[in-house]
């Protein structure tokens, strides 16, 4: 069987994994924890985090722990104000649809059924 072709860019995938790992915690997270969760070598995780910090997607505390940065809030605010929001995220909701209870939806100034 042939391998499935993909056009993903490895560093984008890795950065996304790091952001998801940071988002899973309420408190700032150590490099070791992020490396363990994402299965990235610490030096690889550190370099990617440095780039994310440079662009304000991640912040590093004085203790060397990482948390989500202000740029994500800024981008999220732009998405929230998008009049076609429910059309843009509909595919994501459909992928996460729960067939057991048959319900999915989003809220944006009220419920938007799918």
PDB file of N, CA and C in Angstrom:
ATOM      1  N   UNK A   1       0.845  -1.175   0.000  1.00  0.00           N
ATOM      2  CA  UNK A   1       0.000   0.000   0.000  1.00  0.00           C
ATOM      3  C   UNK A   1       0.892   1.240   0.000  1.00  0.00           C
ATOM      4  N   UNK A   2       0.594   2.194  -0.859  1.00  0.00           N
ATOM      5  CA  UNK A   2       1.396   3.411  -0.960  1.00  0.00           C
ATOM      6  C   UNK A   2       1.128   4.323   0.229  1.00  0.00           C
ATOM      7  N   UNK A   3       2.166   5.041   0.634  1.00  0.00           N
ATOM      8  CA  UNK A   3       2.019   5.994   1.735  1.00  0.00           C
ATOM      9  C   UNK A   3       1.182   7.178   1.267  1.00  0.00           C
ATOM     10  N   UNK A   4       0.396   7.718   2.169  1.00  0.00           N
ATOM     11  CA  UNK A   4      -0.451   8.862   1.856  1.00  0.00           C
ATOM     12  C   UNK A   4       0.418  10.104   1.653  1.00  0.00           C
ATOM     13  N   UNK A   5       0.223  10.776   0.539  1.00  0.00           N
ATOM     14  CA  UNK A   5       0.976  11.991   0.257  1.00  0.00           C
ATOM     15  C   UNK A   5       0.497  13.106   1.172  1.00  0.00           C
ATOM     16  N   UNK A   6       1.434  13.902   1.624  1.00  0.00           N
ATOM     17  CA  UNK A   6       1.076  15.018   2.492  1.00  0.00           C
ATOM     18  C   UNK A   6       1.879  16.244   2.098  1.00  0.00           C
ATOM     19  N   UNK A   7       1.302  17.393   2.286  1.00  0.00           N
ATOM     20  CA  UNK A   7       2.000  18.630   1.968  1.00  0.00           C
ATOM     21  C   UNK A   7       2.268  19.437   3.233  1.00  0.00           C
ATOM     22  N   UNK A   8       2.208  18.790   4.386  1.00  0.00           N
ATOM     23  CA  UNK A   8       2.421  19.523   5.629  1.00  0.00           C
ATOM     24  C   UNK A   8       3.884  19.921   5.776  1.00  0.00           C
ATOM     25  N   UNK A   9       4.097  20.997   6.469  1.00  0.00           N
ATOM     26  CA  UNK A   9       5.438  21.492   6.758  1.00  0.00           C
ATOM     27  C   UNK A   9       5.747  21.101   8.192  1.00  0.00           C
ATOM     28  N   UNK A  10       6.812  20.336   8.374  1.00  0.00           N
ATOM     29  CA  UNK A  10       7.115  19.725   9.663  1.00  0.00           C
ATOM     30  C   UNK A  10       7.194  20.739  10.802  1.00  0.00           C
ATOM     31  N   UNK A  11       7.837  21.867  10.591  1.00  0.00           N
ATOM     32  CA  UNK A  11       7.999  22.821  11.691  1.00  0.00           C
ATOM     33  C   UNK A  11       6.661  23.437  12.102  1.00  0.00           C
ATOM     34  N   UNK A  12       5.745  23.594  11.162  1.00  0.00           N
ATOM     35  CA  UNK A  12       4.417  24.115  11.499  1.00  0.00           C
ATOM     36  C   UNK A  12       3.680  23.099  12.360  1.00  0.00           C
ATOM     37  N   UNK A  13       3.768  21.842  11.996  1.00  0.00           N
ATOM     38  CA  UNK A  13       3.144  20.773  12.781  1.00  0.00           C
ATOM     39  C   UNK A  13       3.732  20.729  14.184  1.00  0.00           C
ATOM     40  N   UNK A  14       5.039  20.841  14.284  1.00  0.00           N
ATOM     41  CA  UNK A  14       5.693  20.819  15.594  1.00  0.00           C
ATOM     42  C   UNK A  14       5.314  22.035  16.434  1.00  0.00           C
ATOM     43  N   UNK A  15       5.260  23.198  15.812  1.00  0.00           N
ATOM     44  CA  UNK A  15       4.859  24.404  16.540  1.00  0.00           C
ATOM     45  C   UNK A  15       3.428  24.271  17.047  1.00  0.00           C
ATOM     46  N   UNK A  16       2.564  23.713  16.226  1.00  0.00           N
ATOM     47  CA  UNK A  16       1.178  23.498  16.631  1.00  0.00           C
ATOM     48  C   UNK A  16       1.098  22.548  17.822  1.00  0.00           C
ATOM     49  N   UNK A  17       1.895  21.483  17.796  1.00  0.00           N
ATOM     50  CA  UNK A  17       1.924  20.546  18.926  1.00  0.00           C
ATOM     51  C   UNK A  17       2.394  21.242  20.199  1.00  0.00           C
ATOM     52  N   UNK A  18       3.390  22.110  20.084  1.00  0.00           N
ATOM     53  CA  UNK A  18       3.872  22.843  21.258  1.00  0.00           C
ATOM     54  C   UNK A  18       2.800  23.789  21.795  1.00  0.00           C
ATOM     55  N   UNK A  19       2.125  24.504  20.905  1.00  0.00           N
ATOM     56  CA  UNK A  19       1.059  25.411  21.342  1.00  0.00           C
ATOM     57  C   UNK A  19      -0.068  24.644  22.026  1.00  0.00           C
ATOM     58  N   UNK A  20      -0.449  23.508  21.467  1.00  0.00           N
ATOM     59  CA  UNK A  20      -1.492  22.682  22.081  1.00  0.00           C
ATOM     60  C   UNK A  20      -1.056  22.178  23.453  1.00  0.00           C
ATOM     61  N   UNK A  21       0.208  21.810  23.578  1.00  0.00           N
ATOM     62  CA  UNK A  21       0.718  21.318  24.862  1.00  0.00           C
ATOM     63  C   UNK A  21       0.713  22.426  25.908  1.00  0.00           C
ATOM     64  N   UNK A  22       1.120  23.625  25.527  1.00  0.00           N
ATOM     65  CA  UNK A  22       1.096  24.757  26.461  1.00  0.00           C
ATOM     66  C   UNK A  22      -0.342  25.063  26.865  1.00  0.00           C
ATOM     67  N   UNK A  23      -1.243  25.034  25.899  1.00  0.00           N
ATOM     68  CA  UNK A  23      -2.651  25.351  26.158  1.00  0.00           C
ATOM     69  C   UNK A  23      -3.314  24.352  27.095  1.00  0.00           C
ATOM     70  N   UNK A  24      -2.765  23.165  27.203  1.00  0.00           N
ATOM     71  CA  UNK A  24      -3.351  22.130  28.063  1.00  0.00           C
ATOM     72  C   UNK A  24      -3.124  22.409  29.550  1.00  0.00           C
ATOM     73  N   UNK A  25      -2.286  23.382  29.859  1.00  0.00           N
ATOM     74  CA  UNK A  25      -1.954  23.700  31.255  1.00  0.00           C
ATOM     75  C   UNK A  25      -2.424  25.104  31.622  1.00  0.00           C
ATOM     76  N   UNK A  26      -2.900  25.257  32.851  1.00  0.00           N
ATOM     77  CA  UNK A  26      -3.287  26.583  33.342  1.00  0.00           C
ATOM     78  C   UNK A  26      -2.070  27.413  33.732  1.00  0.00           C
ATOM     79  N   UNK A  27      -1.027  26.749  34.215  1.00  0.00           N
ATOM     80  CA  UNK A  27       0.191  27.432  34.658  1.00  0.00           C
ATOM     81  C   UNK A  27       1.275  27.295  33.597  1.00  0.00           C
ATOM     82  N   UNK A  28       2.279  28.183  33.633  1.00  0.00           N
ATOM     83  CA  UNK A  28       3.400  28.052  32.698  1.00  0.00           C
ATOM     84  C   UNK A  28       4.050  26.669  32.788  1.00  0.00           C
ATOM     85  N   UNK A  29       4.577  26.202  31.663  1.00  0.00           N
ATOM     86  CA  UNK A  29       5.066  24.829  31.524  1.00  0.00           C
ATOM     87  C   UNK A  29       6.570  24.828  31.235  1.00  0.00           C
ATOM     88  N   UNK A  30       7.275  23.869  31.816  1.00  0.00           N
ATOM     89  CA  UNK A  30       8.722  23.762  31.605  1.00  0.00           C
ATOM     90  C   UNK A  30       9.035  23.180  30.228  1.00  0.00           C
ATOM     91  N   UNK A  31      10.244  23.448  29.770  1.00  0.00           N
ATOM     92  CA  UNK A  31      10.711  22.890  28.507  1.00  0.00           C
ATOM     93  C   UNK A  31      10.708  21.369  28.561  1.00  0.00           C
ATOM     94  N   UNK A  32      11.124  20.800  29.670  1.00  0.00           N
ATOM     95  CA  UNK A  32      11.157  19.337  29.805  1.00  0.00           C
ATOM     96  C   UNK A  32       9.762  18.743  29.633  1.00  0.00           C
ATOM     97  N   UNK A  33       8.777  19.352  30.286  1.00  0.00           N
ATOM     98  CA  UNK A  33       7.400  18.858  30.161  1.00  0.00           C
ATOM     99  C   UNK A  33       6.925  18.956  28.715  1.00  0.00           C
ATOM    100  N   UNK A  34       7.192  20.083  28.073  1.00  0.00           N
ATOM    101  CA  UNK A  34       6.779  20.257  26.678  1.00  0.00           C
ATOM    102  C   UNK A  34       7.483  19.256  25.765  1.00  0.00           C
ATOM    103  N   UNK A  35       8.752  19.039  26.017  1.00  0.00           N
ATOM    104  CA  UNK A  35       9.510  18.070  25.238  1.00  0.00           C
ATOM    105  C   UNK A  35       8.946  16.661  25.414  1.00  0.00           C
ATOM    106  N   UNK A  36       8.619  16.309  26.644  1.00  0.00           N
ATOM    107  CA  UNK A  36       8.046  14.985  26.918  1.00  0.00           C
ATOM    108  C   UNK A  36       6.686  14.805  26.244  1.00  0.00           C
ATOM    109  N   UNK A  37       5.833  15.809  26.358  1.00  0.00           N
ATOM    110  CA  UNK A  37       4.479  15.724  25.800  1.00  0.00           C
ATOM    111  C   UNK A  37       4.502  15.631  24.273  1.00  0.00           C
ATOM    112  N   UNK A  38       5.324  16.469  23.658  1.00  0.00           N
ATOM    113  CA  UNK A  38       5.348  16.543  22.195  1.00  0.00           C
ATOM    114  C   UNK A  38       6.298  15.533  21.558  1.00  0.00           C
ATOM    115  N   UNK A  39       7.108  14.907  22.396  1.00  0.00           N
ATOM    116  CA  UNK A  39       8.130  13.955  21.920  1.00  0.00           C
ATOM    117  C   UNK A  39       9.133  14.613  20.987  1.00  0.00           C
ATOM    118  N   UNK A  40       9.375  15.892  21.234  1.00  0.00           N
ATOM    119  CA  UNK A  40      10.403  16.616  20.498  1.00  0.00           C
ATOM    120  C   UNK A  40      11.664  16.661  21.351  1.00  0.00           C
ATOM    121  N   UNK A  41      12.820  16.601  20.713  1.00  0.00           N
ATOM    122  CA  UNK A  41      14.073  16.751  21.450  1.00  0.00           C
ATOM    123  C   UNK A  41      14.059  18.145  22.087  1.00  0.00           C
ATOM    124  N   UNK A  42      14.567  18.278  23.306  1.00  0.00           N
ATOM    125  CA  UNK A  42      14.539  19.588  23.972  1.00  0.00           C
ATOM    126  C   UNK A  42      15.150  20.720  23.142  1.00  0.00           C
ATOM    127  N   UNK A  43      16.237  20.455  22.425  1.00  0.00           N
ATOM    128  CA  UNK A  43      16.847  21.526  21.626  1.00  0.00           C
ATOM    129  C   UNK A  43      15.941  21.936  20.464  1.00  0.00           C
ATOM    130  N   UNK A  44      15.230  20.982  19.890  1.00  0.00           N
ATOM    131  CA  UNK A  44      14.280  21.289  18.816  1.00  0.00           C
ATOM    132  C   UNK A  44      13.117  22.106  19.362  1.00  0.00           C
ATOM    133  N   UNK A  45      12.559  21.658  20.478  1.00  0.00           N
ATOM    134  CA  UNK A  45      11.455  22.390  21.108  1.00  0.00           C
ATOM    135  C   UNK A  45      11.902  23.801  21.478  1.00  0.00           C
ATOM    136  N   UNK A  46      13.104  23.934  22.024  1.00  0.00           N
ATOM    137  CA  UNK A  46      13.623  25.239  22.435  1.00  0.00           C
ATOM    138  C   UNK A  46      13.718  26.191  21.244  1.00  0.00           C
ATOM    139  N   UNK A  47      14.238  25.715  20.115  1.00  0.00           N
ATOM    140  CA  UNK A  47      14.375  26.570  18.930  1.00  0.00           C
ATOM    141  C   UNK A  47      13.011  27.011  18.399  1.00  0.00           C
ATOM    142  N   UNK A  48      12.071  26.093  18.356  1.00  0.00           N
ATOM    143  CA  UNK A  48      10.729  26.444  17.875  1.00  0.00           C
ATOM    144  C   UNK A  48      10.073  27.427  18.835  1.00  0.00           C
ATOM    145  N   UNK A  49      10.206  27.173  20.132  1.00  0.00           N
ATOM    146  CA  UNK A  49       9.644  28.091  21.129  1.00  0.00           C
ATOM    147  C   UNK A  49      10.273  29.475  21.013  1.00  0.00           C
ATOM    148  N   UNK A  50      11.576  29.540  20.731  1.00  0.00           N
ATOM    149  CA  UNK A  50      12.242  30.837  20.569  1.00  0.00           C
ATOM    150  C   UNK A  50      11.617  31.626  19.421  1.00  0.00           C
ATOM    151  N   UNK A  51      11.298  30.950  18.325  1.00  0.00           N
ATOM    152  CA  UNK A  51      10.634  31.626  17.203  1.00  0.00           C
ATOM    153  C   UNK A  51       9.221  32.050  17.570  1.00  0.00           C
ATOM    154  N   UNK A  52       8.510  31.194  18.292  1.00  0.00           N
ATOM    155  CA  UNK A  52       7.153  31.547  18.723  1.00  0.00           C
ATOM    156  C   UNK A  52       7.181  32.735  19.680  1.00  0.00           C
ATOM    157  N   UNK A  53       8.197  32.813  20.521  1.00  0.00           N
ATOM    158  CA  UNK A  53       8.358  33.953  21.435  1.00  0.00           C
ATOM    159  C   UNK A  53       8.632  35.223  20.636  1.00  0.00           C
ATOM    160  N   UNK A  54       9.495  35.115  19.642  1.00  0.00           N
ATOM    161  CA  UNK A  54       9.853  36.263  18.807  1.00  0.00           C
ATOM    162  C   UNK A  54       8.619  36.895  18.162  1.00  0.00           C
ATOM    163  N   UNK A  55       7.618  36.075  17.878  1.00  0.00           N
ATOM    164  CA  UNK A  55       6.395  36.565  17.229  1.00  0.00           C
ATOM    165  C   UNK A  55       5.217  36.684  18.196  1.00  0.00           C
ATOM    166  N   UNK A  56       5.502  36.619  19.495  1.00  0.00           N
ATOM    167  CA  UNK A  56       4.512  36.814  20.570  1.00  0.00           C
ATOM    168  C   UNK A  56       3.424  35.744  20.645  1.00  0.00           C
ATOM    169  N   UNK A  57       3.665  34.571  20.056  1.00  0.00           N
ATOM    170  CA  UNK A  57       2.720  33.466  20.197  1.00  0.00           C
ATOM    171  C   UNK A  57       2.909  32.756  21.533  1.00  0.00           C
ATOM    172  N   UNK A  58       4.100  32.884  22.101  1.00  0.00           N
ATOM    173  CA  UNK A  58       4.451  32.264  23.379  1.00  0.00           C
ATOM    174  C   UNK A  58       5.240  33.280  24.190  1.00  0.00           C
ATOM    175  N   UNK A  59       5.098  33.213  25.510  1.00  0.00           N
ATOM    176  CA  UNK A  59       5.890  34.032  26.431  1.00  0.00           C
ATOM    177  C   UNK A  59       6.701  33.101  27.323  1.00  0.00           C
ATOM    178  N   UNK A  60       7.890  33.556  27.724  1.00  0.00           N
ATOM    179  CA  UNK A  60       8.750  32.777  28.618  1.00  0.00           C
ATOM    180  C   UNK A  60       8.907  33.554  29.913  1.00  0.00           C
ATOM    181  N   UNK A  61       8.625  32.895  31.029  1.00  0.00           N
ATOM    182  CA  UNK A  61       8.735  33.539  32.338  1.00  0.00           C
ATOM    183  C   UNK A  61      10.197  33.621  32.758  1.00  0.00           C
ATOM    184  N   UNK A  62      10.460  34.394  33.803  1.00  0.00           N
ATOM    185  CA  UNK A  62      11.826  34.510  34.318  1.00  0.00           C
ATOM    186  C   UNK A  62      12.341  33.172  34.838  1.00  0.00           C
ATOM    187  N   UNK A  63      11.436  32.272  35.202  1.00  0.00           N
ATOM    188  CA  UNK A  63      11.820  30.935  35.673  1.00  0.00           C
ATOM    189  C   UNK A  63      12.067  29.975  34.507  1.00  0.00           C
ATOM    190  N   UNK A  64      11.865  30.451  33.270  1.00  0.00           N
ATOM    191  CA  UNK A  64      12.107  29.617  32.100  1.00  0.00           C
ATOM    192  C   UNK A  64      10.945  28.737  31.702  1.00  0.00           C
ATOM    193  N   UNK A  65       9.758  29.064  32.178  1.00  0.00           N
ATOM    194  CA  UNK A  65       8.561  28.297  31.821  1.00  0.00           C
ATOM    195  C   UNK A  65       7.783  29.055  30.742  1.00  0.00           C
ATOM    196  N   UNK A  66       6.971  28.307  30.000  1.00  0.00           N
ATOM    197  CA  UNK A  66       6.288  28.858  28.831  1.00  0.00           C
ATOM    198  C   UNK A  66       4.775  28.913  29.015  1.00  0.00           C
ATOM    199  N   UNK A  67       4.188  29.980  28.453  1.00  0.00           N
ATOM    200  CA  UNK A  67       2.728  30.128  28.438  1.00  0.00           C
ATOM    201  C   UNK A  67       2.347  30.763  27.103  1.00  0.00           C
ATOM    202  N   UNK A  68       1.074  30.670  26.776  1.00  0.00           N
ATOM    203  CA  UNK A  68       0.596  31.243  25.521  1.00  0.00           C
ATOM    204  C   UNK A  68       0.786  32.752  25.526  1.00  0.00           C
ATOM    205  N   UNK A  69       1.067  33.308  24.355  1.00  0.00           N
ATOM    206  CA  UNK A  69       1.334  34.731  24.233  1.00  0.00           C
ATOM    207  C   UNK A  69       0.137  35.540  23.767  1.00  0.00           C
ATOM    208  N   UNK A  70       0.303  36.837  23.825  1.00  0.00           N
ATOM    209  CA  UNK A  70      -0.761  37.794  23.522  1.00  0.00           C
ATOM    210  C   UNK A  70      -1.176  37.755  22.044  1.00  0.00           C
ATOM    211  N   UNK A  71      -0.281  37.361  21.169  1.00  0.00           N
ATOM    212  CA  UNK A  71      -0.608  37.341  19.735  1.00  0.00           C
ATOM    213  C   UNK A  71      -1.766  36.394  19.438  1.00  0.00           C
ATOM    214  N   UNK A  72      -1.853  35.304  20.177  1.00  0.00           N
ATOM    215  CA  UNK A  72      -2.968  34.369  19.978  1.00  0.00           C
ATOM    216  C   UNK A  72      -4.296  35.028  20.334  1.00  0.00           C
ATOM    217  N   UNK A  73      -4.302  35.826  21.391  1.00  0.00           N
ATOM    218  CA  UNK A  73      -5.513  36.549  21.778  1.00  0.00           C
ATOM    219  C   UNK A  73      -5.895  37.560  20.701  1.00  0.00           C
ATOM    220  N   UNK A  74      -4.895  38.258  20.172  1.00  0.00           N
ATOM    221  CA  UNK A  74      -5.163  39.230  19.117  1.00  0.00           C
ATOM    222  C   UNK A  74      -5.765  38.556  17.885  1.00  0.00           C
ATOM    223  N   UNK A  75      -5.201  37.438  17.493  1.00  0.00           N
ATOM    224  CA  UNK A  75      -5.733  36.717  16.330  1.00  0.00           C
ATOM    225  C   UNK A  75      -7.115  36.141  16.622  1.00  0.00           C
ATOM    226  N   UNK A  76      -7.291  35.614  17.824  1.00  0.00           N
ATOM    227  CA  UNK A  76      -8.592  35.081  18.214  1.00  0.00           C
ATOM    228  C   UNK A  76      -9.668  36.148  18.198  1.00  0.00           C
ATOM    229  N   UNK A  77      -9.305  37.350  18.622  1.00  0.00           N
ATOM    230  CA  UNK A  77     -10.259  38.464  18.610  1.00  0.00           C
ATOM    231  C   UNK A  77     -10.687  38.783  17.176  1.00  0.00           C
ATOM    232  N   UNK A  78      -9.744  38.726  16.250  1.00  0.00           N
ATOM    233  CA  UNK A  78     -10.080  38.991  14.842  1.00  0.00           C
ATOM    234  C   UNK A  78     -11.027  37.925  14.303  1.00  0.00           C
ATOM    235  N   UNK A  79     -10.805  36.684  14.668  1.00  0.00           N
ATOM    236  CA  UNK A  79     -11.690  35.604  14.229  1.00  0.00           C
ATOM    237  C   UNK A  79     -13.071  35.791  14.844  1.00  0.00           C
ATOM    238  N   UNK A  80     -13.116  36.135  16.131  1.00  0.00           N
ATOM    239  CA  UNK A  80     -14.382  36.314  16.837  1.00  0.00           C
ATOM    240  C   UNK A  80     -15.232  37.399  16.178  1.00  0.00           C
ATOM    241  N   UNK A  81     -14.601  38.433  15.658  1.00  0.00           N
ATOM    242  CA  UNK A  81     -15.329  39.534  15.026  1.00  0.00           C
ATOM    243  C   UNK A  81     -15.655  39.282  13.560  1.00  0.00           C
ATOM    244  N   UNK A  82     -15.289  38.128  13.050  1.00  0.00           N
ATOM    245  CA  UNK A  82     -15.541  37.780  11.653  1.00  0.00           C
ATOM    246  C   UNK A  82     -17.022  37.444  11.472  1.00  0.00           C
ATOM    247  N   UNK A  83     -17.724  38.122  10.558  1.00  0.00           N
ATOM    248  CA  UNK A  83     -19.157  37.841  10.380  1.00  0.00           C
ATOM    249  C   UNK A  83     -19.436  36.433   9.856  1.00  0.00           C
ATOM    250  N   UNK A  84     -18.485  35.832   9.193  1.00  0.00           N
ATOM    251  CA  UNK A  84     -18.673  34.485   8.654  1.00  0.00           C
ATOM    252  C   UNK A  84     -18.003  33.433   9.526  1.00  0.00           C
ATOM    253  N   UNK A  85     -17.909  33.693  10.823  1.00  0.00           N
ATOM    254  CA  UNK A  85     -17.212  32.801  11.744  1.00  0.00           C
ATOM    255  C   UNK A  85     -17.715  31.374  11.665  1.00  0.00           C
ATOM    256  N   UNK A  86     -19.033  31.191  11.736  1.00  0.00           N
ATOM    257  CA  UNK A  86     -19.548  29.822  11.779  1.00  0.00           C
ATOM    258  C   UNK A  86     -19.276  29.062  10.488  1.00  0.00           C
ATOM    259  N   UNK A  87     -19.129  29.755   9.364  1.00  0.00           N
ATOM    260  CA  UNK A  87     -18.788  29.065   8.118  1.00  0.00           C
ATOM    261  C   UNK A  87     -17.330  28.620   8.129  1.00  0.00           C
ATOM    262  N   UNK A  88     -16.469  29.428   8.727  1.00  0.00           N
ATOM    263  CA  UNK A  88     -15.053  29.103   8.771  1.00  0.00           C
ATOM    264  C   UNK A  88     -14.718  27.935   9.674  1.00  0.00           C
ATOM    265  N   UNK A  89     -15.450  27.793  10.780  1.00  0.00           N
ATOM    266  CA  UNK A  89     -15.115  26.711  11.707  1.00  0.00           C
ATOM    267  C   UNK A  89     -16.034  25.504  11.570  1.00  0.00           C
ATOM    268  N   UNK A  90     -16.998  25.589  10.694  1.00  0.00           N
ATOM    269  CA  UNK A  90     -17.921  24.463  10.513  1.00  0.00           C
ATOM    270  C   UNK A  90     -17.204  23.136  10.243  1.00  0.00           C
ATOM    271  N   UNK A  91     -16.191  23.091   9.354  1.00  0.00           N
ATOM    272  CA  UNK A  91     -15.505  21.811   9.124  1.00  0.00           C
ATOM    273  C   UNK A  91     -14.868  21.247  10.396  1.00  0.00           C
ATOM    274  N   UNK A  92     -14.340  22.107  11.262  1.00  0.00           N
ATOM    275  CA  UNK A  92     -13.746  21.631  12.519  1.00  0.00           C
ATOM    276  C   UNK A  92     -14.814  21.048  13.426  1.00  0.00           C
ATOM    277  N   UNK A  93     -15.959  21.689  13.501  1.00  0.00           N
ATOM    278  CA  UNK A  93     -17.051  21.193  14.337  1.00  0.00           C
ATOM    279  C   UNK A  93     -17.552  19.854  13.798  1.00  0.00           C
ATOM    280  N   UNK A  94     -17.694  19.764  12.488  1.00  0.00           N
ATOM    281  CA  UNK A  94     -18.177  18.517  11.891  1.00  0.00           C
ATOM    282  C   UNK A  94     -17.223  17.357  12.153  1.00  0.00           C
ATOM    283  N   UNK A  95     -15.919  17.622  12.162  1.00  0.00           N
ATOM    284  CA  UNK A  95     -14.948  16.559  12.454  1.00  0.00           C
ATOM    285  C   UNK A  95     -15.067  16.091  13.896  1.00  0.00           C
ATOM    286  N   UNK A  96     -15.550  16.956  14.781  1.00  0.00           N
ATOM    287  CA  UNK A  96     -15.659  16.615  16.197  1.00  0.00           C
ATOM    288  C   UNK A  96     -17.094  16.289  16.614  1.00  0.00           C
ATOM    289  N   UNK A  97     -17.976  16.173  15.644  1.00  0.00           N
ATOM    290  CA  UNK A  97     -19.386  15.869  15.901  1.00  0.00           C
ATOM    291  C   UNK A  97     -19.518  14.558  16.664  1.00  0.00           C
ATOM    292  N   UNK A  98     -20.351  14.563  17.684  1.00  0.00           N
ATOM    293  CA  UNK A  98     -20.579  13.370  18.505  1.00  0.00           C
ATOM    294  C   UNK A  98     -21.787  12.617  17.959  1.00  0.00           C
ATOM    295  N   UNK A  99     -21.562  11.484  17.291  1.00  0.00           N
ATOM    296  CA  UNK A  99     -22.691  10.749  16.708  1.00  0.00           C
ATOM    297  C   UNK A  99     -23.587  10.106  17.762  1.00  0.00           C
ATOM    298  N   UNK A 100     -23.111   9.983  19.003  1.00  0.00           N
ATOM    299  CA  UNK A 100     -23.924   9.354  20.044  1.00  0.00           C
ATOM    300  C   UNK A 100     -25.082  10.238  20.482  1.00  0.00           C
ATOM    301  N   UNK A 101     -24.813  11.535  20.677  1.00  0.00           N
ATOM    302  CA  UNK A 101     -25.921  12.396  21.093  1.00  0.00           C
ATOM    303  C   UNK A 101     -26.478  13.219  19.937  1.00  0.00           C
ATOM    304  N   UNK A 102     -25.805  13.157  18.795  1.00  0.00           N
ATOM    305  CA  UNK A 102     -26.328  13.797  17.594  1.00  0.00           C
ATOM    306  C   UNK A 102     -26.311  15.303  17.607  1.00  0.00           C
ATOM    307  N   UNK A 103     -25.545  15.910  18.501  1.00  0.00           N
ATOM    308  CA  UNK A 103     -25.533  17.362  18.585  1.00  0.00           C
ATOM    309  C   UNK A 103     -24.134  17.913  18.390  1.00  0.00           C
ATOM    310  N   UNK A 104     -24.072  19.032  17.717  1.00  0.00           N
ATOM    311  CA  UNK A 104     -22.865  19.830  17.574  1.00  0.00           C
ATOM    312  C   UNK A 104     -23.331  21.252  17.382  1.00  0.00           C
ATOM    313  N   UNK A 105     -22.501  22.176  17.727  1.00  0.00           N
ATOM    314  CA  UNK A 105     -22.865  23.563  17.509  1.00  0.00           C
ATOM    315  C   UNK A 105     -21.797  24.490  18.014  1.00  0.00           C
ATOM    316  N   UNK A 106     -21.970  25.762  17.686  1.00  0.00           N
ATOM    317  CA  UNK A 106     -21.093  26.802  18.185  1.00  0.00           C
ATOM    318  C   UNK A 106     -21.964  27.918  18.722  1.00  0.00           C
ATOM    319  N   UNK A 107     -21.384  28.750  19.529  1.00  0.00           N
ATOM    320  CA  UNK A 107     -22.115  29.891  20.054  1.00  0.00           C
ATOM    321  C   UNK A 107     -21.409  31.165  19.636  1.00  0.00           C
ATOM    322  N   UNK A 108     -22.145  32.042  19.029  1.00  0.00           N
ATOM    323  CA  UNK A 108     -21.636  33.353  18.626  1.00  0.00           C
ATOM    324  C   UNK A 108     -22.861  34.245  18.540  1.00  0.00           C
ATOM    325  N   UNK A 109     -23.119  35.004  19.575  1.00  0.00           N
ATOM    326  CA  UNK A 109     -24.336  35.801  19.670  1.00  0.00           C
ATOM    327  C   UNK A 109     -25.559  34.902  19.524  1.00  0.00           C
ATOM    328  N   UNK A 110     -25.483  33.749  20.158  1.00  0.00           N
ATOM    329  CA  UNK A 110     -26.568  32.782  20.084  1.00  0.00           C
ATOM    330  C   UNK A 110     -26.081  31.489  19.470  1.00  0.00           C
ATOM    331  N   UNK A 111     -26.882  30.467  19.563  1.00  0.00           N
ATOM    332  CA  UNK A 111     -26.501  29.159  19.035  1.00  0.00           C
ATOM    333  C   UNK A 111     -26.610  29.144  17.522  1.00  0.00           C
ATOM    334  N   UNK A 112     -25.683  28.472  16.897  1.00  0.00           N
ATOM    335  CA  UNK A 112     -25.713  28.280  15.456  1.00  0.00           C
ATOM    336  C   UNK A 112     -25.745  26.783  15.222  1.00  0.00           C
ATOM    337  N   UNK A 113     -26.912  26.213  14.909  1.00  0.00           N
ATOM    338  CA  UNK A 113     -26.994  24.764  14.713  1.00  0.00           C
ATOM    339  C   UNK A 113     -26.291  24.336  13.435  1.00  0.00           C
ATOM    340  N   UNK A 114     -25.846  23.102  13.430  1.00  0.00           N
ATOM    341  CA  UNK A 114     -25.232  22.542  12.220  1.00  0.00           C
ATOM    342  C   UNK A 114     -26.208  21.625  11.532  1.00  0.00           C
TER     343      UNK A 114
END
